[in-house]
Amino acid sequence: MREEHPFLNMIIDSNGVTKALDLNYVETEDLAGFCLVEEDINCWKQLQMYLLGIAHVMEIIELLKNDCLT
């Protein structure tokens, strides 16, 4: 898709859009789809970070529990 729509390269490879985009209907639909995929990826990354944090907290709780019992 990136080869078909150079504006996606501008969004992905730079600091964002720096000029107005003149998109047709198909390009607008493709951009909307791209944004949804990016949002899904970010949501999964956030969930992974949250679960990783929970795993670390559980390890710390177990260590503290063991220290308190001995």
Protein backbone atom coordinates (compact mmCIF):
# COMPACT_ATOMS: atom_id res chain seq x y z
CA MET A 1 0.00 0.00 0.00
CA ARG A 2 2.89 2.38 0.72
CA GLU A 3 4.00 2.19 -2.90
CA GLU A 4 0.52 3.08 -4.08
CA HIS A 5 0.14 6.05 -1.73
CA PRO A 6 3.27 8.16 -1.20
CA PHE A 7 1.46 10.22 1.44
CA LEU A 8 1.64 7.19 3.74
CA ASN A 9 5.42 7.35 3.50
CA MET A 10 5.24 11.00 4.56
CA ILE A 11 3.16 10.02 7.60
CA ILE A 12 5.29 7.00 8.55
CA ASP A 13 8.80 8.22 7.77
CA SER A 14 8.70 11.83 8.96
CA ASN A 15 7.34 13.90 11.80
CA GLY A 16 3.86 13.81 10.35
CA VAL A 17 1.99 15.75 7.75
CA THR A 18 3.51 19.16 7.04
CA LYS A 19 1.27 20.24 4.19
CA ALA A 20 -2.34 19.82 3.18
CA LEU A 21 -3.18 16.49 1.61
CA ASP A 22 -5.40 16.45 -1.46
CA LEU A 23 -6.74 12.91 -1.27
CA ASN A 24 -9.33 11.23 -3.41
CA TYR A 25 -11.96 8.87 -1.99
CA VAL A 26 -9.87 5.70 -2.32
CA GLU A 27 -6.85 7.36 -0.71
CA THR A 28 -9.04 8.65 2.11
CA GLU A 29 -10.42 5.16 2.72
CA ASP A 30 -6.90 3.71 2.67
CA LEU A 31 -5.71 6.36 5.12
CA ALA A 32 -8.62 5.57 7.44
CA GLY A 33 -7.75 1.88 7.28
CA PHE A 34 -4.10 2.66 7.97
CA CYS A 35 -5.06 4.74 11.01
CA LEU A 36 -7.23 1.94 12.39
CA VAL A 37 -4.38 -0.56 12.02
CA GLU A 38 -1.97 1.84 13.73
CA GLU A 39 -4.46 2.34 16.56
CA ASP A 40 -4.85 -1.43 16.99
CA ILE A 41 -1.07 -1.87 17.08
CA ASN A 42 -0.74 0.85 19.72
CA CYS A 43 -3.52 -0.70 21.82
CA TRP A 44 -1.79 -4.09 21.75
CA LYS A 45 1.54 -2.49 22.71
CA GLN A 46 -0.12 -0.73 25.64
CA LEU A 47 -1.76 -3.96 26.76
CA GLN A 48 1.58 -5.80 26.56
CA MET A 49 3.28 -3.11 28.64
CA TYR A 50 0.48 -3.24 31.21
CA LEU A 51 0.70 -7.03 31.50
CA LEU A 52 4.49 -6.88 31.72
CA GLY A 53 4.16 -4.38 34.56
CA ILE A 54 1.67 -6.65 36.34
CA ALA A 55 4.08 -9.59 35.97
CA HIS A 56 6.87 -7.55 37.56
CA VAL A 57 4.61 -6.46 40.40
CA MET A 58 3.65 -10.07 41.06
CA GLU A 59 7.35 -11.04 41.22
CA ILE A 60 8.04 -8.24 43.70
CA ILE A 61 5.05 -9.26 45.84
CA GLU A 62 6.31 -12.85 45.92
CA LEU A 63 9.81 -11.69 46.94
CA LEU A 64 8.39 -9.49 49.67
CA LYS A 65 6.11 -12.25 50.86
CA ASN A 66 9.07 -14.66 51.10
CA ASP A 67 11.18 -12.09 52.97
CA CYS A 68 8.40 -11.41 55.47
CA LEU A 69 7.84 -15.11 56.15
CA THR A 70 11.50 -15.86 56.92
